Protein backbone atom coordinates (compact mmCIF):
# COMPACT_ATOMS: atom_id res chain seq x y z
CA UNK A 1 -6.07 12.33 -5.45
CA UNK A 2 -2.68 13.65 -6.49
CA UNK A 3 -1.89 11.73 -9.66
CA UNK A 4 -5.20 10.57 -11.10
CA UNK A 5 -5.28 9.90 -14.84
CA UNK A 6 -8.42 11.14 -16.60
CA UNK A 7 -8.39 9.95 -20.22
CA UNK A 8 -12.02 10.85 -20.90
CA UNK A 9 -11.69 14.64 -20.63
CA UNK A 10 -12.07 15.26 -24.35
CA UNK A 11 -15.04 12.93 -24.70
CA UNK A 12 -17.03 14.90 -22.16
CA UNK A 13 -16.26 18.22 -23.80
CA UNK A 14 -13.52 19.66 -21.61
CA UNK A 15 -10.92 21.60 -23.55
CA UNK A 16 -7.32 20.74 -22.74
CA UNK A 17 -3.98 21.82 -24.13
CA UNK A 18 -1.78 19.59 -26.23
CA UNK A 19 0.62 19.21 -23.30
CA UNK A 20 -2.16 18.19 -20.93
CA UNK A 21 -3.53 15.79 -23.52
CA UNK A 22 -0.12 14.21 -23.96
CA UNK A 23 0.05 13.51 -20.23
CA UNK A 24 -3.19 11.54 -20.26
CA UNK A 25 -2.29 9.97 -23.60
CA UNK A 26 -4.84 11.30 -26.07
CA UNK A 27 -2.94 13.58 -28.45
CA UNK A 28 -1.18 13.06 -31.74
CA UNK A 29 1.73 15.11 -32.95
CA UNK A 30 3.77 14.59 -36.10
CA UNK A 31 6.79 16.61 -37.13
CA UNK A 32 8.05 16.51 -40.68
CA UNK A 33 9.47 13.06 -41.21
CA UNK A 34 13.02 12.62 -42.42
CA UNK A 35 12.35 8.93 -43.02
CA UNK A 36 13.76 8.74 -46.54
CA UNK A 37 15.14 5.68 -48.33
CA UNK A 38 18.78 5.18 -47.54
CA UNK A 39 18.60 7.34 -44.42
CA UNK A 40 19.06 4.33 -42.11
CA UNK A 41 22.26 4.70 -40.14
CA UNK A 42 24.60 1.85 -40.79
CA UNK A 43 24.53 -0.75 -37.97
CA UNK A 44 22.49 1.51 -35.72
CA UNK A 45 19.81 -0.28 -33.74
CA UNK A 46 16.23 0.66 -33.18
CA UNK A 47 15.70 1.58 -29.52
CA UNK A 48 12.63 0.62 -27.49
CA UNK A 49 12.52 2.09 -24.00
CA UNK A 50 9.72 0.56 -21.90
CA UNK A 51 8.81 2.35 -18.68
CA UNK A 52 6.16 1.18 -16.23
CA UNK A 53 4.80 3.29 -13.38
CA UNK A 54 5.59 2.34 -9.75
CA UNK A 55 6.92 -1.15 -10.55
CA UNK A 56 10.07 -1.24 -8.42
CA UNK A 57 11.53 -4.73 -8.65
CA UNK A 58 8.23 -6.52 -8.02
CA UNK A 59 8.47 -8.95 -10.95
CA UNK A 60 9.25 -12.61 -11.42
CA UNK A 61 12.86 -12.30 -12.57
CA UNK A 62 13.64 -10.29 -9.42
CA UNK A 63 12.47 -13.13 -7.20
CA UNK A 64 8.74 -12.42 -6.75
CA UNK A 65 7.12 -15.85 -7.23
CA UNK A 66 3.43 -14.87 -7.11
CA UNK A 67 3.39 -12.24 -9.84
CA UNK A 68 3.01 -13.39 -13.46
CA UNK A 69 5.52 -11.58 -15.68
CA UNK A 70 6.57 -14.11 -18.34
CA UNK A 71 7.25 -11.47 -21.00
CA UNK A 72 9.42 -9.21 -18.86
CA UNK A 73 11.17 -12.33 -17.55
CA UNK A 74 11.84 -13.40 -21.14
CA UNK A 75 13.60 -10.10 -21.86
CA UNK A 76 15.81 -10.76 -18.82
CA UNK A 77 16.46 -14.38 -19.77
CA UNK A 78 17.68 -13.35 -23.22
CA UNK A 79 19.33 -10.12 -22.10
CA UNK A 80 20.92 -8.52 -19.04
CA UNK A 81 19.40 -7.82 -15.63
CA UNK A 82 20.83 -5.46 -13.02
CA UNK A 83 20.29 -6.58 -9.45
CA UNK A 84 21.33 -3.28 -7.84
CA UNK A 85 19.61 -0.66 -9.93
CA UNK A 86 18.36 2.51 -8.21
CA UNK A 87 16.65 5.75 -9.15
CA UNK A 88 17.88 9.21 -8.22
CA UNK A 89 14.43 10.23 -6.96
CA UNK A 90 11.60 8.07 -5.55
CA UNK A 91 8.89 10.11 -7.29
CA UNK A 92 7.50 9.94 -10.80
CA UNK A 93 8.49 13.11 -12.69
CA UNK A 94 11.91 13.82 -11.13
CA UNK A 95 13.05 10.22 -11.70
CA UNK A 96 11.83 10.12 -15.30
CA UNK A 97 13.38 13.50 -16.04
CA UNK A 98 16.76 12.26 -14.84
CA UNK A 99 16.48 9.12 -16.96
CA UNK A 100 15.94 11.06 -20.19
CA UNK A 101 18.36 13.92 -19.49
CA UNK A 102 21.17 12.16 -17.61
CA UNK A 103 21.05 15.01 -15.06
CA UNK A 104 19.85 15.37 -11.49
CA UNK A 105 16.38 16.81 -10.84
CA UNK A 106 17.76 19.96 -9.20
CA UNK A 107 19.81 20.54 -12.37
CA UNK A 108 17.25 19.66 -15.07
CA UNK A 109 14.43 21.66 -13.46
CA UNK A 110 12.03 18.88 -12.45
CA UNK A 111 12.07 18.88 -8.65
CA UNK A 112 8.41 17.86 -8.42
CA UNK A 113 5.47 16.60 -10.45
CA UNK A 114 4.97 18.11 -13.91
CA UNK A 115 1.21 17.78 -14.38
CA UNK A 116 -1.59 20.10 -13.38
CA UNK A 117 -0.89 22.84 -10.86
CA UNK A 118 2.30 21.15 -9.70
CA UNK A 119 3.71 22.48 -13.00
CA UNK A 120 7.42 21.63 -12.68
CA UNK A 121 9.11 21.27 -16.06
CA UNK A 122 12.42 20.67 -17.77
CA UNK A 123 14.61 23.72 -18.30
CA UNK A 124 14.03 25.24 -21.74
CA UNK A 125 17.56 24.36 -22.85
CA UNK A 126 17.46 20.81 -21.43
CA UNK A 127 18.28 18.06 -23.92
CA UNK A 128 15.99 15.02 -23.87
CA UNK A 129 17.16 11.61 -25.05
CA UNK A 130 14.48 11.72 -27.76
CA UNK A 131 15.85 14.99 -29.13
CA UNK A 132 19.47 13.85 -29.03
CA UNK A 133 18.62 10.70 -30.96
CA UNK A 134 16.36 12.58 -33.38
CA UNK A 135 19.18 14.98 -34.23
CA UNK A 136 21.42 11.96 -34.87
CA UNK A 137 19.00 10.33 -37.35
CA UNK A 138 16.53 8.32 -35.28
CA UNK A 139 12.80 8.94 -35.51
CA UNK A 140 11.73 9.64 -31.93
CA UNK A 141 8.24 8.52 -31.02
CA UNK A 142 6.23 8.72 -27.81
CA UNK A 143 3.69 5.94 -27.36
CA UNK A 144 1.74 6.20 -24.12
CA UNK A 145 2.49 7.93 -20.86
CA UNK A 146 5.26 10.42 -20.30
CA UNK A 147 5.60 12.35 -17.07
CA UNK A 148 8.82 14.33 -17.38
CA UNK A 149 7.66 17.48 -19.19
CA UNK A 150 4.65 19.65 -19.90
CA UNK A 151 5.80 20.08 -23.48
CA UNK A 152 6.51 16.70 -25.11
CA UNK A 153 5.81 18.16 -28.57
CA UNK A 154 9.24 19.81 -28.60
CA UNK A 155 10.97 16.59 -27.50
CA UNK A 156 9.60 14.01 -29.96
CA UNK A 157 9.20 13.78 -33.73
CA UNK A 158 5.87 12.04 -33.23
CA UNK A 159 3.35 11.52 -30.45
CA UNK A 160 1.05 8.58 -31.13
CA UNK A 161 -2.63 8.69 -30.20
CA UNK A 162 -3.03 6.49 -27.14
CA UNK A 163 -5.11 5.71 -24.06
CA UNK A 164 -3.90 5.27 -20.52
CA UNK A 165 -4.99 1.61 -20.54
CA UNK A 166 -2.02 -0.66 -21.20
CA UNK A 167 -3.87 -2.82 -23.72
CA UNK A 168 -4.64 0.21 -25.93
CA UNK A 169 -1.12 1.59 -25.60
CA UNK A 170 0.26 -1.77 -26.73
CA UNK A 171 -2.14 -1.85 -29.70
CA UNK A 172 -0.86 1.54 -30.87
CA UNK A 173 2.76 0.48 -30.47
CA UNK A 174 2.09 -2.69 -32.45
CA UNK A 175 0.37 -0.70 -35.21
CA UNK A 176 3.31 1.69 -35.39
CA UNK A 177 5.75 -1.20 -35.76
CA UNK A 178 3.58 -2.82 -38.43
CA UNK A 179 3.43 0.42 -40.42
CA UNK A 180 7.21 0.77 -40.37
CA UNK A 181 8.15 -2.69 -41.64
CA UNK A 182 9.90 -1.23 -44.68
CA UNK A 183 11.22 1.99 -43.14
CA UNK A 184 14.96 2.59 -43.36
CA UNK A 185 15.24 5.13 -40.58
CA UNK A 186 15.95 3.68 -37.12
CA UNK A 187 13.38 4.51 -34.47
CA UNK A 188 13.46 5.43 -30.81
CA UNK A 189 10.16 4.49 -29.19
CA UNK A 190 9.51 5.69 -25.67
CA UNK A 191 6.76 3.31 -24.58
CA UNK A 192 5.08 4.40 -21.37
CA UNK A 193 2.54 2.43 -19.35
CA UNK A 194 0.46 3.85 -16.51
CA UNK A 195 0.14 0.42 -14.92
CA UNK A 196 0.69 -0.63 -12.19
CA UNK A 197 0.08 2.90 -10.84
CA UNK A 198 -2.81 3.14 -8.38
CA UNK A 199 -6.32 3.90 -9.63
CA UNK A 200 -7.99 4.95 -6.37
CA UNK A 201 -11.44 5.33 -7.93
CA UNK A 202 -11.49 1.73 -9.13
CA UNK A 203 -12.91 -1.00 -6.90
CA UNK A 204 -9.56 -2.81 -6.67
CA UNK A 205 -7.48 0.33 -6.27
CA UNK A 206 -5.39 -0.72 -9.26
CA UNK A 207 -7.85 -0.89 -12.16
CA UNK A 208 -9.46 -3.93 -13.72
CA UNK A 209 -8.16 -7.29 -12.57
CA UNK A 210 -7.10 -10.10 -14.91
CA UNK A 211 -9.21 -13.23 -14.54
CA UNK A 212 -6.24 -15.43 -13.66
CA UNK A 213 -4.69 -13.32 -10.92
CA UNK A 214 -3.06 -15.06 -7.96
CA UNK A 215 -4.94 -15.78 -4.74
CA UNK A 216 -1.92 -14.91 -2.62
CA UNK A 217 0.57 -12.11 -3.07
CA UNK A 218 4.21 -11.79 -2.06
CA UNK A 219 4.32 -9.38 0.84
CA UNK A 220 7.36 -7.17 1.58
CA UNK A 221 8.88 -7.50 5.04
CA UNK A 222 8.50 -3.80 5.79
CA UNK A 223 4.67 -3.96 5.60
CA UNK A 224 2.18 -5.53 8.00
CA UNK A 225 0.60 -8.59 6.32
CA UNK A 226 -3.12 -8.20 7.02
CA UNK A 227 -6.18 -9.34 5.01
CA UNK A 228 -6.99 -5.91 3.57
CA UNK A 229 -3.34 -5.36 2.74
CA UNK A 230 -3.19 -8.77 1.04
CA UNK A 231 -6.16 -7.79 -1.14
CA UNK A 232 -4.40 -4.59 -2.12
CA UNK A 233 -1.15 -6.37 -2.92
CA UNK A 234 -3.00 -8.96 -5.02
CA UNK A 235 -4.62 -6.12 -6.97
CA UNK A 236 -1.18 -4.57 -7.48
CA UNK A 237 0.19 -7.87 -8.77
CA UNK A 238 -2.85 -8.17 -11.04
CA UNK A 239 -2.02 -4.79 -12.57
CA UNK A 240 1.56 -5.95 -13.10
CA UNK A 241 0.30 -9.08 -14.87
CA UNK A 242 -1.88 -6.89 -17.13
CA UNK A 243 1.01 -4.66 -18.18
CA UNK A 244 3.28 -7.66 -18.71
CA UNK A 245 0.70 -9.07 -21.14
CA UNK A 246 0.67 -5.73 -22.96
CA UNK A 247 4.46 -5.78 -23.19
CA UNK A 248 4.22 -9.28 -24.65
CA UNK A 249 1.93 -7.93 -27.38
CA UNK A 250 4.56 -5.32 -28.32
CA UNK A 251 7.33 -7.95 -28.35
CA UNK A 252 5.23 -10.08 -30.70
CA UNK A 253 4.76 -7.10 -33.00
CA UNK A 254 8.50 -6.54 -32.98
CA UNK A 255 9.01 -10.17 -34.01
CA UNK A 256 6.36 -9.94 -36.76
CA UNK A 257 8.00 -6.80 -38.14
CA UNK A 258 11.36 -8.63 -38.21
CA UNK A 259 12.84 -5.97 -35.94
CA UNK A 260 13.80 -8.00 -32.86
CA UNK A 261 17.44 -8.66 -33.71
CA UNK A 262 18.18 -5.03 -34.50
CA UNK A 263 16.31 -3.49 -31.55
CA UNK A 264 17.93 -2.43 -28.30
CA UNK A 265 15.31 -2.86 -25.53
CA UNK A 266 15.50 -1.05 -22.19
CA UNK A 267 12.93 -2.22 -19.64
CA UNK A 268 12.65 -0.18 -16.45
CA UNK A 269 10.44 1.82 -14.08
CA UNK A 270 10.56 5.17 -12.34
CA UNK A 271 10.88 4.12 -8.66
CA UNK A 272 9.73 1.66 -6.01
CA UNK A 273 6.27 0.20 -5.46
CA UNK A 274 3.35 2.46 -4.36
CA UNK A 275 3.20 1.35 -0.75
CA UNK A 276 4.17 2.99 2.55
CA UNK A 277 7.92 3.41 3.11
CA UNK A 278 8.58 2.61 -0.55
CA UNK A 279 7.55 5.14 -3.22
CA UNK A 280 8.24 8.72 -2.02
CA UNK A 281 10.89 7.58 0.45
CA UNK A 282 14.70 7.27 0.22
CA UNK A 283 14.78 3.75 1.69
CA UNK A 284 15.73 0.96 -0.70
CA UNK A 285 12.11 -0.16 -1.34
CA UNK A 286 11.49 3.37 -2.65
CA UNK A 287 14.56 3.72 -4.85
CA UNK A 288 15.09 0.18 -6.15
CA UNK A 289 14.14 -0.23 -9.81
CA UNK A 290 14.14 -3.01 -12.33
CA UNK A 291 16.58 -2.46 -15.16
CA UNK A 292 16.80 -4.96 -18.00
CA UNK A 293 18.54 -4.46 -21.32
CA UNK A 294 18.60 -6.63 -24.44
CA UNK A 295 20.09 -6.28 -27.91
CA UNK A 296 20.04 -9.66 -29.70
CA UNK A 297 21.98 -8.47 -32.74
CA UNK A 298 24.37 -6.28 -30.78
CA UNK A 299 27.50 -6.84 -28.69
CA UNK A 300 25.68 -7.56 -25.41
CA UNK A 301 25.76 -10.87 -23.52
CA UNK A 302 22.59 -12.90 -23.02
CA UNK A 303 21.08 -14.27 -19.85
CA UNK A 304 23.47 -12.43 -17.55
CA UNK A 305 22.89 -10.74 -14.19
CA UNK A 306 25.13 -7.97 -12.90
CA UNK A 307 25.53 -7.04 -9.23
CA UNK A 308 27.20 -3.72 -9.98
CA UNK A 309 25.39 -0.71 -8.58
CA UNK A 310 23.86 1.62 -11.19
CA UNK A 311 21.65 4.70 -11.07
CA UNK A 312 18.93 5.54 -13.58
CA UNK A 313 20.74 8.80 -14.31
CA UNK A 314 23.19 6.48 -16.11
CA UNK A 315 20.60 5.37 -18.69
CA UNK A 316 21.09 8.22 -21.17
CA UNK A 317 24.91 8.13 -21.35
CA UNK A 318 24.82 4.33 -21.59
CA UNK A 319 22.43 4.39 -24.55
CA UNK A 320 24.46 7.06 -26.32
CA UNK A 321 27.65 5.09 -25.66
CA UNK A 322 26.17 1.87 -27.03
CA UNK A 323 25.16 3.53 -30.30
CA UNK A 324 28.49 5.39 -30.56
CA UNK A 325 26.96 8.84 -30.08
CA UNK A 326 28.99 11.53 -28.28
CA UNK A 327 27.95 12.09 -24.66
CA UNK A 328 27.38 15.81 -23.97
CA UNK A 329 29.69 17.33 -21.37
CA UNK A 330 26.74 18.43 -19.24
CA UNK A 331 25.67 14.83 -18.58
CA UNK A 332 26.08 13.84 -14.93
CA UNK A 333 25.36 10.11 -15.27
CA UNK A 334 28.01 7.48 -15.92
CA UNK A 335 27.92 5.13 -18.89
CA UNK A 336 28.07 1.46 -17.96
CA UNK A 337 28.27 0.41 -21.62
CA UNK A 338 31.93 -0.67 -21.21
CA UNK A 339 30.79 -3.15 -18.54
CA UNK A 340 28.24 -4.66 -20.94
CA UNK A 341 30.49 -4.83 -23.99
CA UNK A 342 33.70 -5.67 -22.10
CA UNK A 343 35.44 -2.83 -23.90
CA UNK A 344 36.94 0.46 -22.83
CA UNK A 345 37.37 1.59 -19.26
CA UNK A 346 34.40 0.93 -17.02
CA UNK A 347 34.08 3.36 -14.12
CA UNK A 348 32.66 1.34 -11.22
CA UNK A 349 30.03 3.13 -9.18
CA UNK A 350 30.95 3.10 -5.51
CA UNK A 351 28.11 5.42 -4.50
CA UNK A 352 24.84 6.81 -5.74
CA UNK A 353 23.21 10.08 -4.77
CA UNK A 354 19.51 10.75 -4.48
CA UNK A 355 17.11 13.54 -3.81
CA UNK A 356 13.55 14.44 -3.05
CA UNK A 357 12.21 17.97 -2.84
CA UNK A 358 8.51 18.05 -3.77
CA UNK A 359 5.81 15.47 -4.46
CA UNK A 360 2.44 15.72 -2.69
CA UNK A 361 4.07 18.39 -0.53
CA UNK A 362 7.51 19.82 0.18
CA UNK A 363 9.73 17.21 1.84
CA UNK A 364 13.36 18.03 0.94
CA UNK A 365 15.74 15.14 1.58
CA UNK A 366 19.15 14.18 0.14
CA UNK A 367 21.11 10.96 0.49
CA UNK A 368 24.17 8.98 -0.44
CA UNK A 369 24.19 5.19 -0.75
CA UNK A 370 27.21 2.90 -0.97
CA UNK A 371 27.16 -0.89 -1.07
CA UNK A 372 27.22 -0.98 2.72
CA UNK A 373 25.87 2.29 4.12
CA UNK A 374 23.19 4.86 3.46
CA UNK A 375 23.11 8.35 4.92
CA UNK A 376 20.04 10.59 4.62
CA UNK A 377 19.87 14.25 5.59
CA UNK A 378 16.45 15.81 6.13
CA UNK A 379 15.78 19.53 5.74
CA UNK A 380 12.37 19.69 7.46
CA UNK A 381 10.62 17.95 10.34
CA UNK A 382 8.01 16.40 8.06
CA UNK A 383 6.41 13.04 8.81
CA UNK A 384 8.82 10.10 8.78
CA UNK A 385 7.83 9.22 5.21
CA UNK A 386 5.36 10.48 2.64
CA UNK A 387 2.44 8.08 2.21
CA UNK A 388 1.92 7.17 -1.48
CA UNK A 389 -1.34 5.25 -0.94
CA UNK A 390 -3.53 8.09 -2.29
CA UNK A 391 -6.11 7.52 0.45
CA UNK A 392 -6.74 8.71 4.00
CA UNK A 393 -7.29 5.08 5.02
CA UNK A 394 -4.38 3.02 3.66
CA UNK A 395 -4.92 -0.72 3.67
CA UNK A 396 -1.21 -1.47 3.93
CA UNK A 397 0.77 0.01 6.81
CA UNK A 398 4.44 -0.04 7.70
CA UNK A 399 5.96 -2.16 10.46
CA UNK A 400 8.37 0.63 11.31
CA UNK A 401 7.50 3.12 12.52
CA UNK A 402 4.39 1.43 13.95
CA UNK A 403 2.49 4.74 14.01
CA UNK A 404 3.97 6.93 11.22
CA UNK A 405 1.48 9.74 11.97
CA UNK A 406 3.42 10.38 15.18
CA UNK A 407 6.95 10.03 13.83
CA UNK A 408 8.96 12.83 12.23
CA UNK A 409 12.27 13.13 10.41
CA UNK A 410 15.47 13.08 12.39
CA UNK A 411 18.09 15.51 11.03
CA UNK A 412 20.38 12.67 9.95
CA UNK A 413 19.77 8.99 9.32
CA UNK A 414 22.53 6.40 8.92
CA UNK A 415 21.96 2.73 8.16
CA UNK A 416 24.19 -0.32 7.82
CA UNK A 417 22.61 -2.03 4.82
CA UNK A 418 24.34 -5.37 5.49
CA UNK A 419 23.15 -5.64 9.09
CA UNK A 420 19.90 -3.73 8.69
CA UNK A 421 18.53 -4.07 5.12
CA UNK A 422 15.09 -2.78 6.19
CA UNK A 423 16.74 0.47 7.40
CA UNK A 424 15.04 0.65 10.78
CA UNK A 425 18.02 1.08 13.13
CA UNK A 426 19.29 4.65 12.78
CA UNK A 427 23.00 4.72 13.71
CA UNK A 428 23.54 8.45 13.20
CA UNK A 429 23.91 9.16 16.93
CA UNK A 430 25.99 6.06 17.75
CA UNK A 431 29.50 7.19 18.66
CA UNK A 432 31.20 4.17 17.10
CA UNK A 433 29.76 5.18 13.71
CA UNK A 434 30.89 8.82 13.97
CA UNK A 435 33.76 8.41 11.44
CA UNK A 436 31.40 6.86 8.89
CA UNK A 437 28.77 9.53 9.54
CA UNK A 438 31.33 12.30 9.07
CA UNK A 439 32.74 10.78 5.88
CA UNK A 440 29.29 10.24 4.33
CA UNK A 441 28.18 13.78 5.23
CA UNK A 442 31.34 15.20 3.67
CA UNK A 443 30.79 13.33 0.43
CA UNK A 444 27.11 14.26 0.29
CA UNK A 445 27.87 17.92 0.95
CA UNK A 446 30.59 17.91 -1.72
CA UNK A 447 28.14 16.46 -4.27
CA UNK A 448 25.53 19.11 -3.42
CA UNK A 449 28.12 21.87 -3.87
CA UNK A 450 29.56 20.44 -7.09
CA UNK A 451 26.11 20.10 -8.64
CA UNK A 452 25.01 23.51 -7.31
CA UNK A 453 22.04 22.11 -5.44
CA UNK A 454 19.75 25.10 -4.71
CA UNK A 455 18.77 23.48 -1.41
CA UNK A 456 22.08 24.71 0.01
CA UNK A 457 20.67 28.24 -0.16
CA UNK A 458 17.15 27.46 1.05
CA UNK A 459 14.14 25.49 -0.12
CA UNK A 460 13.35 26.30 -3.78
CA UNK A 461 9.92 27.83 -4.35
CA UNK A 462 7.46 25.66 -6.31
CA UNK A 463 5.75 26.91 -9.50
CA UNK A 464 2.57 27.55 -7.49
CA UNK A 465 4.48 30.19 -5.49
CA UNK A 466 4.87 32.47 -8.50
CA UNK A 467 1.23 31.94 -9.44
CA UNK A 468 0.20 32.96 -5.93
CA UNK A 469 2.37 36.09 -6.07
CA UNK A 470 0.99 36.97 -9.49
CA UNK A 471 -2.54 36.59 -8.16
CA UNK A 472 -1.76 38.87 -5.24
CA UNK A 473 -0.22 41.52 -7.53
CA UNK A 474 -3.24 41.47 -9.82
CA UNK A 475 -5.54 41.70 -6.80
CA UNK A 476 -3.77 44.89 -5.68
CA UNK A 477 -4.46 46.38 -9.07
């Protein structure tokens, strides 16, 4: 099991480092507080960033009728929802790292998972959103799961004691808000929920089920709708309902602390849902993400949906822009704050770039997506997509390819997203699409060169490579 969460390690007497403990949500870290009377920045909002694992856009306000998400839907109804929001990487750590640094995974250092022996991590000089806001006067607090670094202690002012269960995480967030009713210093809370990530060792595959879960789930077109797969999708929707209830608890605490009006809320996820041809793949089901933003007392509209295309690398510059904080020159994302506030010059995104290098194994892929086309270039002949089911016997299987164990990457993939939204008809070798193929390849290659993608010079070695070499050197001694 690649990404299992084991919150009971300490209780059974296994020693773990502070960084490992922070990943499973059982450490506490407090830096010296600069929360002094009168230190509250004038007109600066509190910031609450809510991130769920593996959620994609599988929630009510994105058109999924069978999943119960009244609290997330309420944020959208009173805020802003982006219909075309995508991540830069369809895996956990690289996507999250880009969100909080505003830089691509191959630039910020996180080209694979950060936990355990995977051991990828942010560059030592990388600036995290928490640190930028802390330096500007916010108190930065981690409540719950983070998956972008092995060393969260250097990123946050405070790490709150938590559990990986969403109900406990929400309790700790509510307690924090209650304790800060009279605090003058604005806060940045990074609230991370494990749910609805898979829990393969649980009977449902997604942890405990709420008693009122639906008897029928909404099934994506790209999966085969079979009884076992329906059971799995219902369990997934049950986990979503659980985390939505936990989010509702935090929203209530925000209300009770009289902080709602002055709090900028960002509700999002890391990538698409944890099913075949979604998570760990560059197709839209793998890179589509919910993105909802609300600031009742700020200059943002309410109850509005935008069709503009955004990337989650844009989150950091947008937040900094909204709170009038300078955006560092090294940031690669684009602020869409001018679109929300109807001020300044909004730079419309006509394309987004994405990447995958490592997850369960090395599978380097790069892509460019416009509103109409997507081009993917593959650097190995790996299987057609990486299976995120965390089991040798997946209950849900893809419609295309019908037998993914026998299908391998083509060098180039090109899809017309208007005519073929499921991305099953590869046009890369069709002569009539040669001009589009050439143009998309040129733009993708230019982006890789401009961002100094190491993949241009060969596949980057993973952290385990150096450990293996070190072991061999020691063995020779």
